[in-house]
PDB file of N, CA and C in Angstrom:
ATOM      1  N   MET A   1      81.475 328.311 -79.889  1.00  0.00           N
ATOM      2  CA  MET A   1      81.050 328.567 -78.519  1.00  0.00           C
ATOM      3  C   MET A   1      81.314 327.323 -77.684  1.00  0.00           C
ATOM      4  N   LYS A   2      81.981 327.531 -76.565  1.00  0.00           N
ATOM      5  CA  LYS A   2      82.246 326.445 -75.632  1.00  0.00           C
ATOM      6  C   LYS A   2      81.585 326.757 -74.300  1.00  0.00           C
ATOM      7  N   LYS A   3      81.148 325.743 -73.626  1.00  0.00           N
ATOM      8  CA  LYS A   3      80.676 325.918 -72.260  1.00  0.00           C
ATOM      9  C   LYS A   3      81.900 326.106 -71.371  1.00  0.00           C
ATOM     10  N   ALA A   4      81.716 326.803 -70.276  1.00  0.00           N
ATOM     11  CA  ALA A   4      82.839 327.085 -69.379  1.00  0.00           C
ATOM     12  C   ALA A   4      83.561 325.803 -68.963  1.00  0.00           C
ATOM     13  N   GLN A   5      82.781 324.785 -68.649  1.00  0.00           N
ATOM     14  CA  GLN A   5      83.392 323.541 -68.174  1.00  0.00           C
ATOM     15  C   GLN A   5      84.149 322.804 -69.275  1.00  0.00           C
ATOM     16  N   ASP A   6      83.936 323.174 -70.535  1.00  0.00           N
ATOM     17  CA  ASP A   6      84.638 322.533 -71.648  1.00  0.00           C
ATOM     18  C   ASP A   6      85.938 323.240 -72.021  1.00  0.00           C
ATOM     19  N   CYS A   7      86.181 324.410 -71.454  1.00  0.00           N
ATOM     20  CA  CYS A   7      87.432 325.122 -71.732  1.00  0.00           C
ATOM     21  C   CYS A   7      88.580 324.394 -71.043  1.00  0.00           C
ATOM     22  N   GLU A   8      89.638 324.202 -71.796  1.00  0.00           N
ATOM     23  CA  GLU A   8      90.781 323.458 -71.269  1.00  0.00           C
ATOM     24  C   GLU A   8      92.003 324.327 -71.037  1.00  0.00           C
ATOM     25  N   THR A   9      91.956 325.583 -71.493  1.00  0.00           N
ATOM     26  CA  THR A   9      93.075 326.498 -71.270  1.00  0.00           C
ATOM     27  C   THR A   9      92.536 327.872 -70.912  1.00  0.00           C
ATOM     28  N   MET A  10      93.399 328.690 -70.334  1.00  0.00           N
ATOM     29  CA  MET A  10      93.026 330.060 -70.014  1.00  0.00           C
ATOM     30  C   MET A  10      92.749 330.853 -71.290  1.00  0.00           C
ATOM     31  N   ASP A  11      93.469 330.567 -72.371  1.00  0.00           N
ATOM     32  CA  ASP A  11      93.201 331.244 -73.643  1.00  0.00           C
ATOM     33  C   ASP A  11      91.790 330.966 -74.123  1.00  0.00           C
ATOM     34  N   GLU A  12      91.324 329.736 -73.959  1.00  0.00           N
ATOM     35  CA  GLU A  12      89.950 329.405 -74.348  1.00  0.00           C
ATOM     36  C   GLU A  12      88.946 330.153 -73.481  1.00  0.00           C
ATOM     37  N   VAL A  13      89.212 330.232 -72.194  1.00  0.00           N
ATOM     38  CA  VAL A  13      88.326 330.979 -71.285  1.00  0.00           C
ATOM     39  C   VAL A  13      88.272 332.436 -71.717  1.00  0.00           C
ATOM     40  N   ARG A  14      89.426 333.034 -71.981  1.00  0.00           N
ATOM     41  CA  ARG A  14      89.471 334.447 -72.385  1.00  0.00           C
ATOM     42  C   ARG A  14      88.742 334.670 -73.704  1.00  0.00           C
ATOM     43  N   ALA A  15      88.900 333.760 -74.644  1.00  0.00           N
ATOM     44  CA  ALA A  15      88.214 333.890 -75.933  1.00  0.00           C
ATOM     45  C   ALA A  15      86.702 333.854 -75.744  1.00  0.00           C
ATOM     46  N   GLU A  16      86.230 332.988 -74.865  1.00  0.00           N
ATOM     47  CA  GLU A  16      84.781 332.905 -74.621  1.00  0.00           C
ATOM     48  C   GLU A  16      84.278 334.133 -73.879  1.00  0.00           C
ATOM     49  N   ILE A  17      85.061 334.656 -72.954  1.00  0.00           N
ATOM     50  CA  ILE A  17      84.675 335.895 -72.271  1.00  0.00           C
ATOM     51  C   ILE A  17      84.576 337.029 -73.283  1.00  0.00           C
ATOM     52  N   ASP A  18      85.543 337.113 -74.200  1.00  0.00           N
ATOM     53  CA  ASP A  18      85.497 338.148 -75.235  1.00  0.00           C
ATOM     54  C   ASP A  18      84.252 337.997 -76.110  1.00  0.00           C
ATOM     55  N   ARG A  19      83.894 336.768 -76.450  1.00  0.00           N
ATOM     56  CA  ARG A  19      82.697 336.508 -77.253  1.00  0.00           C
ATOM     57  C   ARG A  19      81.445 336.973 -76.518  1.00  0.00           C
ATOM     58  N   VAL A  20      81.377 336.624 -75.246  1.00  0.00           N
ATOM     59  CA  VAL A  20      80.215 337.026 -74.440  1.00  0.00           C
ATOM     60  C   VAL A  20      80.171 338.542 -74.296  1.00  0.00           C
ATOM     61  N   ASP A  21      81.317 339.180 -74.090  1.00  0.00           N
ATOM     62  CA  ASP A  21      81.342 340.643 -73.971  1.00  0.00           C
ATOM     63  C   ASP A  21      80.809 341.313 -75.232  1.00  0.00           C
ATOM     64  N   ARG A  22      81.188 340.798 -76.395  1.00  0.00           N
ATOM     65  CA  ARG A  22      80.671 341.362 -77.648  1.00  0.00           C
ATOM     66  C   ARG A  22      79.148 341.233 -77.697  1.00  0.00           C
ATOM     67  N   ALA A  23      78.643 340.080 -77.309  1.00  0.00           N
ATOM     68  CA  ALA A  23      77.193 339.860 -77.314  1.00  0.00           C
ATOM     69  C   ALA A  23      76.493 340.777 -76.313  1.00  0.00           C
ATOM     70  N   LEU A  24      77.090 340.965 -75.150  1.00  0.00           N
ATOM     71  CA  LEU A  24      76.505 341.850 -74.145  1.00  0.00           C
ATOM     72  C   LEU A  24      76.424 343.288 -74.652  1.00  0.00           C
ATOM     73  N   VAL A  25      77.482 343.753 -75.277  1.00  0.00           N
ATOM     74  CA  VAL A  25      77.467 345.116 -75.819  1.00  0.00           C
ATOM     75  C   VAL A  25      76.374 345.246 -76.865  1.00  0.00           C
ATOM     76  N   ASP A  26      76.246 344.251 -77.727  1.00  0.00           N
ATOM     77  CA  ASP A  26      75.191 344.287 -78.748  1.00  0.00           C
ATOM     78  C   ASP A  26      73.805 344.338 -78.106  1.00  0.00           C
ATOM     79  N   LEU A  27      73.584 343.526 -77.092  1.00  0.00           N
ATOM     80  CA  LEU A  27      72.273 343.512 -76.425  1.00  0.00           C
ATOM     81  C   LEU A  27      72.012 344.805 -75.664  1.00  0.00           C
ATOM     82  N   LEU A  28      73.036 345.333 -75.010  1.00  0.00           N
ATOM     83  CA  LEU A  28      72.861 346.600 -74.294  1.00  0.00           C
ATOM     84  C   LEU A  28      72.606 347.748 -75.273  1.00  0.00           C
ATOM     85  N   ALA A  29      73.234 347.705 -76.428  1.00  0.00           N
ATOM     86  CA  ALA A  29      72.972 348.724 -77.452  1.00  0.00           C
ATOM     87  C   ALA A  29      71.523 348.628 -77.931  1.00  0.00           C
ATOM     88  N   GLU A  30      71.038 347.417 -78.092  1.00  0.00           N
ATOM     89  CA  GLU A  30      69.639 347.243 -78.485  1.00  0.00           C
ATOM     90  C   GLU A  30      68.709 347.782 -77.398  1.00  0.00           C
ATOM     91  N   ARG A  31      69.015 347.467 -76.138  1.00  0.00           N
ATOM     92  CA  ARG A  31      68.201 347.969 -75.027  1.00  0.00           C
ATOM     93  C   ARG A  31      68.203 349.493 -75.032  1.00  0.00           C
ATOM     94  N   TRP A  32      69.397 350.074 -75.255  1.00  0.00           N
ATOM     95  CA  TRP A  32      69.531 351.525 -75.244  1.00  0.00           C
ATOM     96  C   TRP A  32      68.679 352.170 -76.335  1.00  0.00           C
ATOM     97  N   SER A  33      68.521 351.501 -77.466  1.00  0.00           N
ATOM     98  CA  SER A  33      67.699 352.076 -78.534  1.00  0.00           C
ATOM     99  C   SER A  33      66.258 352.261 -78.054  1.00  0.00           C
ATOM    100  N   TYR A  34      65.791 351.390 -77.172  1.00  0.00           N
ATOM    101  CA  TYR A  34      64.435 351.532 -76.622  1.00  0.00           C
ATOM    102  C   TYR A  34      64.379 352.635 -75.581  1.00  0.00           C
ATOM    103  N   VAL A  35      65.443 352.769 -74.807  1.00  0.00           N
ATOM    104  CA  VAL A  35      65.516 353.888 -73.853  1.00  0.00           C
ATOM    105  C   VAL A  35      65.474 355.205 -74.624  1.00  0.00           C
ATOM    106  N   ASP A  36      66.212 355.248 -75.715  1.00  0.00           N
ATOM    107  CA  ASP A  36      66.243 356.457 -76.543  1.00  0.00           C
ATOM    108  C   ASP A  36      64.858 356.768 -77.103  1.00  0.00           C
ATOM    109  N   ARG A  37      64.096 355.768 -77.394  1.00  0.00           N
ATOM    110  CA  ARG A  37      62.734 355.976 -77.895  1.00  0.00           C
ATOM    111  C   ARG A  37      61.771 356.338 -76.767  1.00  0.00           C
ATOM    112  N   ALA A  38      61.995 355.805 -75.583  1.00  0.00           N
ATOM    113  CA  ALA A  38      61.072 356.013 -74.458  1.00  0.00           C
ATOM    114  C   ALA A  38      60.939 357.478 -74.080  1.00  0.00           C
ATOM    115  N   TRP A  39      62.041 358.220 -74.121  1.00  0.00           N
ATOM    116  CA  TRP A  39      61.943 359.626 -73.704  1.00  0.00           C
ATOM    117  C   TRP A  39      60.939 360.381 -74.563  1.00  0.00           C
ATOM    118  N   PHE A  40      60.807 359.988 -75.820  1.00  0.00           N
ATOM    119  CA  PHE A  40      59.864 360.636 -76.723  1.00  0.00           C
ATOM    120  C   PHE A  40      58.444 360.527 -76.160  1.00  0.00           C
ATOM    121  N   PHE A  41      58.090 359.352 -75.673  1.00  0.00           N
ATOM    122  CA  PHE A  41      56.751 359.140 -75.141  1.00  0.00           C
ATOM    123  C   PHE A  41      56.579 359.783 -73.769  1.00  0.00           C
ATOM    124  N   LYS A  42      57.681 359.914 -73.045  1.00  0.00           N
ATOM    125  CA  LYS A  42      57.600 360.479 -71.696  1.00  0.00           C
ATOM    126  C   LYS A  42      57.382 361.989 -71.711  1.00  0.00           C
ATOM    127  N   ARG A  43      57.314 362.588 -72.883  1.00  0.00           N
ATOM    128  CA  ARG A  43      56.959 364.007 -72.962  1.00  0.00           C
ATOM    129  C   ARG A  43      55.515 364.204 -72.544  1.00  0.00           C
ATOM    130  N   SER A  44      54.734 363.149 -72.672  1.00  0.00           N
ATOM    131  CA  SER A  44      53.324 363.195 -72.278  1.00  0.00           C
ATOM    132  C   SER A  44      53.221 362.902 -70.780  1.00  0.00           C
ATOM    133  N   PRO A  45      52.446 363.711 -70.040  1.00  0.00           N
ATOM    134  CA  PRO A  45      52.282 363.452 -68.602  1.00  0.00           C
ATOM    135  C   PRO A  45      51.743 362.054 -68.305  1.00  0.00           C
ATOM    136  N   ASP A  46      50.977 361.503 -69.241  1.00  0.00           N
ATOM    137  CA  ASP A  46      50.414 360.162 -69.039  1.00  0.00           C
ATOM    138  C   ASP A  46      51.484 359.083 -69.074  1.00  0.00           C
ATOM    139  N   GLU A  47      52.620 359.372 -69.683  1.00  0.00           N
ATOM    140  CA  GLU A  47      53.680 358.377 -69.842  1.00  0.00           C
ATOM    141  C   GLU A  47      54.925 358.715 -69.036  1.00  0.00           C
ATOM    142  N   ALA A  48      54.819 359.639 -68.107  1.00  0.00           N
ATOM    143  CA  ALA A  48      55.981 360.039 -67.304  1.00  0.00           C
ATOM    144  C   ALA A  48      56.524 358.840 -66.532  1.00  0.00           C
ATOM    145  N   SER A  49      57.733 358.995 -66.033  1.00  0.00           N
ATOM    146  CA  SER A  49      58.361 357.912 -65.266  1.00  0.00           C
ATOM    147  C   SER A  49      57.475 357.483 -64.110  1.00  0.00           C
ATOM    148  N   VAL A  50      57.454 356.191 -63.892  1.00  0.00           N
ATOM    149  CA  VAL A  50      56.689 355.639 -62.787  1.00  0.00           C
ATOM    150  C   VAL A  50      57.618 354.737 -61.976  1.00  0.00           C
ATOM    151  N   PRO A  51      57.744 355.010 -60.690  1.00  0.00           N
ATOM    152  CA  PRO A  51      58.685 354.237 -59.865  1.00  0.00           C
ATOM    153  C   PRO A  51      58.423 352.735 -59.859  1.00  0.00           C
ATOM    154  N   TRP A  52      57.170 352.337 -59.976  1.00  0.00           N
ATOM    155  CA  TRP A  52      56.873 350.902 -59.950  1.00  0.00           C
ATOM    156  C   TRP A  52      57.534 350.185 -61.114  1.00  0.00           C
ATOM    157  N   ARG A  53      57.707 350.869 -62.243  1.00  0.00           N
ATOM    158  CA  ARG A  53      58.318 350.228 -63.408  1.00  0.00           C
ATOM    159  C   ARG A  53      59.778 349.856 -63.126  1.00  0.00           C
ATOM    160  N   ASN A  54      60.507 350.752 -62.494  1.00  0.00           N
ATOM    161  CA  ASN A  54      61.898 350.457 -62.154  1.00  0.00           C
ATOM    162  C   ASN A  54      61.986 349.265 -61.216  1.00  0.00           C
ATOM    163  N   ARG A  55      61.138 349.238 -60.209  1.00  0.00           N
ATOM    164  CA  ARG A  55      61.126 348.108 -59.274  1.00  0.00           C
ATOM    165  C   ARG A  55      60.769 346.814 -59.992  1.00  0.00           C
ATOM    166  N   ASP A  56      59.807 346.889 -60.890  1.00  0.00           N
ATOM    167  CA  ASP A  56      59.379 345.718 -61.652  1.00  0.00           C
ATOM    168  C   ASP A  56      60.526 345.167 -62.502  1.00  0.00           C
ATOM    169  N   VAL A  57      61.238 346.045 -63.187  1.00  0.00           N
ATOM    170  CA  VAL A  57      62.370 345.618 -64.012  1.00  0.00           C
ATOM    171  C   VAL A  57      63.426 344.948 -63.149  1.00  0.00           C
ATOM    172  N   ILE A  58      63.760 345.548 -62.033  1.00  0.00           N
ATOM    173  CA  ILE A  58      64.797 344.991 -61.161  1.00  0.00           C
ATOM    174  C   ILE A  58      64.366 343.643 -60.594  1.00  0.00           C
ATOM    175  N   GLU A  59      63.115 343.518 -60.195  1.00  0.00           N
ATOM    176  CA  GLU A  59      62.636 342.234 -59.672  1.00  0.00           C
ATOM    177  C   GLU A  59      62.692 341.143 -60.740  1.00  0.00           C
ATOM    178  N   LYS A  60      62.337 341.487 -61.968  1.00  0.00           N
ATOM    179  CA  LYS A  60      62.414 340.507 -63.057  1.00  0.00           C
ATOM    180  C   LYS A  60      63.851 340.089 -63.334  1.00  0.00           C
ATOM    181  N   VAL A  61      64.759 341.049 -63.308  1.00  0.00           N
ATOM    182  CA  VAL A  61      66.170 340.749 -63.553  1.00  0.00           C
ATOM    183  C   VAL A  61      66.729 339.871 -62.433  1.00  0.00           C
ATOM    184  N   LYS A  62      66.381 340.193 -61.200  1.00  0.00           N
ATOM    185  CA  LYS A  62      66.853 339.370 -60.077  1.00  0.00           C
ATOM    186  C   LYS A  62      66.309 337.945 -60.179  1.00  0.00           C
ATOM    187  N   ALA A  63      65.055 337.811 -60.539  1.00  0.00           N
ATOM    188  CA  ALA A  63      64.463 336.475 -60.682  1.00  0.00           C
ATOM    189  C   ALA A  63      65.156 335.701 -61.791  1.00  0.00           C
ATOM    190  N   ARG A  64      65.441 336.374 -62.900  1.00  0.00           N
ATOM    191  CA  ARG A  64      66.141 335.706 -64.003  1.00  0.00           C
ATOM    192  C   ARG A  64      67.542 335.288 -63.563  1.00  0.00           C
ATOM    193  N   ALA A  65      68.216 336.151 -62.849  1.00  0.00           N
ATOM    194  CA  ALA A  65      69.564 335.823 -62.366  1.00  0.00           C
ATOM    195  C   ALA A  65      69.523 334.608 -61.442  1.00  0.00           C
ATOM    196  N   GLU A  66      68.515 334.539 -60.601  1.00  0.00           N
ATOM    197  CA  GLU A  66      68.388 333.405 -59.684  1.00  0.00           C
ATOM    198  C   GLU A  66      68.161 332.095 -60.431  1.00  0.00           C
ATOM    199  N   ASP A  67      67.617 332.183 -61.642  1.00  0.00           N
ATOM    200  CA  ASP A  67      67.412 330.987 -62.466  1.00  0.00           C
ATOM    201  C   ASP A  67      68.690 330.569 -63.194  1.00  0.00           C
ATOM    202  N   THR A  68      69.707 331.393 -63.092  1.00  0.00           N
ATOM    203  CA  THR A  68      70.977 331.123 -63.763  1.00  0.00           C
ATOM    204  C   THR A  68      72.077 331.035 -62.712  1.00  0.00           C
ATOM    205  N   ALA A  69      73.304 331.060 -63.166  1.00  0.00           N
ATOM    206  CA  ALA A  69      74.437 331.016 -62.238  1.00  0.00           C
ATOM    207  C   ALA A  69      74.886 332.409 -61.827  1.00  0.00           C
ATOM    208  N   MET A  70      74.128 333.437 -62.185  1.00  0.00           N
ATOM    209  CA  MET A  70      74.521 334.812 -61.870  1.00  0.00           C
ATOM    210  C   MET A  70      74.011 335.207 -60.494  1.00  0.00           C
ATOM    211  N   PRO A  71      74.873 335.810 -59.667  1.00  0.00           N
ATOM    212  CA  PRO A  71      74.394 336.296 -58.365  1.00  0.00           C
ATOM    213  C   PRO A  71      73.331 337.384 -58.553  1.00  0.00           C
ATOM    214  N   ALA A  72      72.215 337.224 -57.896  1.00  0.00           N
ATOM    215  CA  ALA A  72      71.115 338.188 -58.029  1.00  0.00           C
ATOM    216  C   ALA A  72      71.541 339.582 -57.596  1.00  0.00           C
ATOM    217  N   GLU A  73      72.416 339.669 -56.600  1.00  0.00           N
ATOM    218  CA  GLU A  73      72.886 340.971 -56.112  1.00  0.00           C
ATOM    219  C   GLU A  73      73.687 341.692 -57.197  1.00  0.00           C
ATOM    220  N   MET A  74      74.464 340.944 -57.962  1.00  0.00           N
ATOM    221  CA  MET A  74      75.231 341.546 -59.041  1.00  0.00           C
ATOM    222  C   MET A  74      74.289 342.037 -60.136  1.00  0.00           C
ATOM    223  N   ALA A  75      73.298 341.243 -60.482  1.00  0.00           N
ATOM    224  CA  ALA A  75      72.327 341.645 -61.503  1.00  0.00           C
ATOM    225  C   ALA A  75      71.602 342.912 -61.064  1.00  0.00           C
ATOM    226  N   GLU A  76      71.188 342.947 -59.814  1.00  0.00           N
ATOM    227  CA  GLU A  76      70.485 344.127 -59.310  1.00  0.00           C
ATOM    228  C   GLU A  76      71.368 345.367 -59.398  1.00  0.00           C
ATOM    229  N   ALA A  77      72.612 345.259 -58.968  1.00  0.00           N
ATOM    230  CA  ALA A  77      73.524 346.406 -59.000  1.00  0.00           C
ATOM    231  C   ALA A  77      73.738 346.899 -60.434  1.00  0.00           C
ATOM    232  N   LEU A  78      73.935 345.968 -61.357  1.00  0.00           N
ATOM    233  CA  LEU A  78      74.135 346.358 -62.758  1.00  0.00           C
ATOM    234  C   LEU A  78      72.904 347.047 -63.316  1.00  0.00           C
ATOM    235  N   TRP A  79      71.731 346.482 -63.052  1.00  0.00           N
ATOM    236  CA  TRP A  79      70.512 347.078 -63.617  1.00  0.00           C
ATOM    237  C   TRP A  79      70.177 348.403 -62.969  1.00  0.00           C
ATOM    238  N   ARG A  80      70.489 348.567 -61.706  1.00  0.00           N
ATOM    239  CA  ARG A  80      70.270 349.879 -61.084  1.00  0.00           C
ATOM    240  C   ARG A  80      71.123 350.933 -61.786  1.00  0.00           C
ATOM    241  N   MET A  81      72.338 350.565 -62.156  1.00  0.00           N
ATOM    242  CA  MET A  81      73.208 351.487 -62.877  1.00  0.00           C
ATOM    243  C   MET A  81      72.653 351.749 -64.283  1.00  0.00           C
ATOM    244  N   ILE A  82      72.245 350.707 -64.968  1.00  0.00           N
ATOM    245  CA  ILE A  82      71.690 350.856 -66.317  1.00  0.00           C
ATOM    246  C   ILE A  82      70.442 351.736 -66.286  1.00  0.00           C
ATOM    247  N   ILE A  83      69.552 351.472 -65.339  1.00  0.00           N
ATOM    248  CA  ILE A  83      68.320 352.254 -65.222  1.00  0.00           C
ATOM    249  C   ILE A  83      68.657 353.705 -64.880  1.00  0.00           C
ATOM    250  N   GLY A  84      69.612 353.898 -63.987  1.00  0.00           N
ATOM    251  CA  GLY A  84      70.018 355.257 -63.615  1.00  0.00           C
ATOM    252  C   GLY A  84      70.525 356.051 -64.803  1.00  0.00           C
ATOM    253  N   TRP A  85      71.338 355.421 -65.639  1.00  0.00           N
ATOM    254  CA  TRP A  85      71.821 356.082 -66.856  1.00  0.00           C
ATOM    255  C   TRP A  85      70.644 356.437 -67.758  1.00  0.00           C
ATOM    256  N   GLY A  86      69.702 355.522 -67.877  1.00  0.00           N
ATOM    257  CA  GLY A  86      68.538 355.779 -68.718  1.00  0.00           C
ATOM    258  C   GLY A  86      67.709 356.938 -68.212  1.00  0.00           C
ATOM    259  N   ILE A  87      67.488 356.983 -66.916  1.00  0.00           N
ATOM    260  CA  ILE A  87      66.703 358.070 -66.325  1.00  0.00           C
ATOM    261  C   ILE A  87      67.409 359.403 -66.540  1.00  0.00           C
ATOM    262  N   GLN A  88      68.704 359.425 -66.307  1.00  0.00           N
ATOM    263  CA  GLN A  88      69.467 360.656 -66.507  1.00  0.00           C
ATOM    264  C   GLN A  88      69.386 361.116 -67.962  1.00  0.00           C
ATOM    265  N   TYR A  89      69.535 360.188 -68.875  1.00  0.00           N
ATOM    266  CA  TYR A  89      69.456 360.496 -70.305  1.00  0.00           C
ATOM    267  C   TYR A  89      68.085 361.067 -70.660  1.00  0.00           C
ATOM    268  N   GLU A  90      67.035 360.405 -70.189  1.00  0.00           N
ATOM    269  CA  GLU A  90      65.673 360.864 -70.490  1.00  0.00           C
ATOM    270  C   GLU A  90      65.438 362.264 -69.926  1.00  0.00           C
ATOM    271  N   GLU A  91      65.906 362.500 -68.695  1.00  0.00           N
ATOM    272  CA  GLU A  91      65.714 363.831 -68.094  1.00  0.00           C
ATOM    273  C   GLU A  91      66.433 364.899 -68.891  1.00  0.00           C
ATOM    274  N   GLU A  92      67.636 364.608 -69.345  1.00  0.00           N
ATOM    275  CA  GLU A  92      68.364 365.578 -70.164  1.00  0.00           C
ATOM    276  C   GLU A  92      67.657 365.842 -71.489  1.00  0.00           C
ATOM    277  N   ARG A  93      67.164 364.808 -72.120  1.00  0.00           N
ATOM    278  CA  ARG A  93      66.449 364.961 -73.395  1.00  0.00           C
ATOM    279  C   ARG A  93      65.159 365.762 -73.196  1.00  0.00           C
ATOM    280  N   LEU A  94      64.462 365.475 -72.098  1.00  0.00           N
ATOM    281  CA  LEU A  94      63.199 366.169 -71.845  1.00  0.00           C
ATOM    282  C   LEU A  94      63.434 367.660 -71.579  1.00  0.00           C
ATOM    283  N   LYS A  95      64.562 367.997 -70.977  1.00  0.00           N
ATOM    284  CA  LYS A  95      64.874 369.416 -70.747  1.00  0.00           C
ATOM    285  C   LYS A  95      65.141 370.145 -72.058  1.00  0.00           C
ATOM    286  N   GLU A  96      65.668 369.399 -73.044  1.00  0.00           N
ATOM    287  CA  GLU A  96      65.968 369.997 -74.353  1.00  0.00           C
ATOM    288  C   GLU A  96      64.694 370.363 -75.101  1.00  0.00           C
ATOM    289  N   LYS A  97      63.648 369.606 -74.880  1.00  0.00           N
ATOM    290  CA  LYS A  97      62.422 369.790 -75.677  1.00  0.00           C
ATOM    291  C   LYS A  97      61.437 370.672 -74.985  1.00  0.00           C
TER     292      LYS A  97
END
């Protein structure tokens, strides 16, 4: 693993981007496993979707992005898409049951 500023060639930059992409996919797959489990609990009216939770997640992600070199607007856009996929998935699963 090299820091961006330590890369001396474009090949090194690309190799590190590929490494990070693999890690991101692994982390997103782990996150998805929890989304897949969440729909099970959302069958109960007490655990149904709550809008404040989505806002809370996005605010936390934006705050984390602001602590890093990531633009908060990009983090928000990505998480809105991730959350949207999760909501759609949960709704489809709930219709099946």
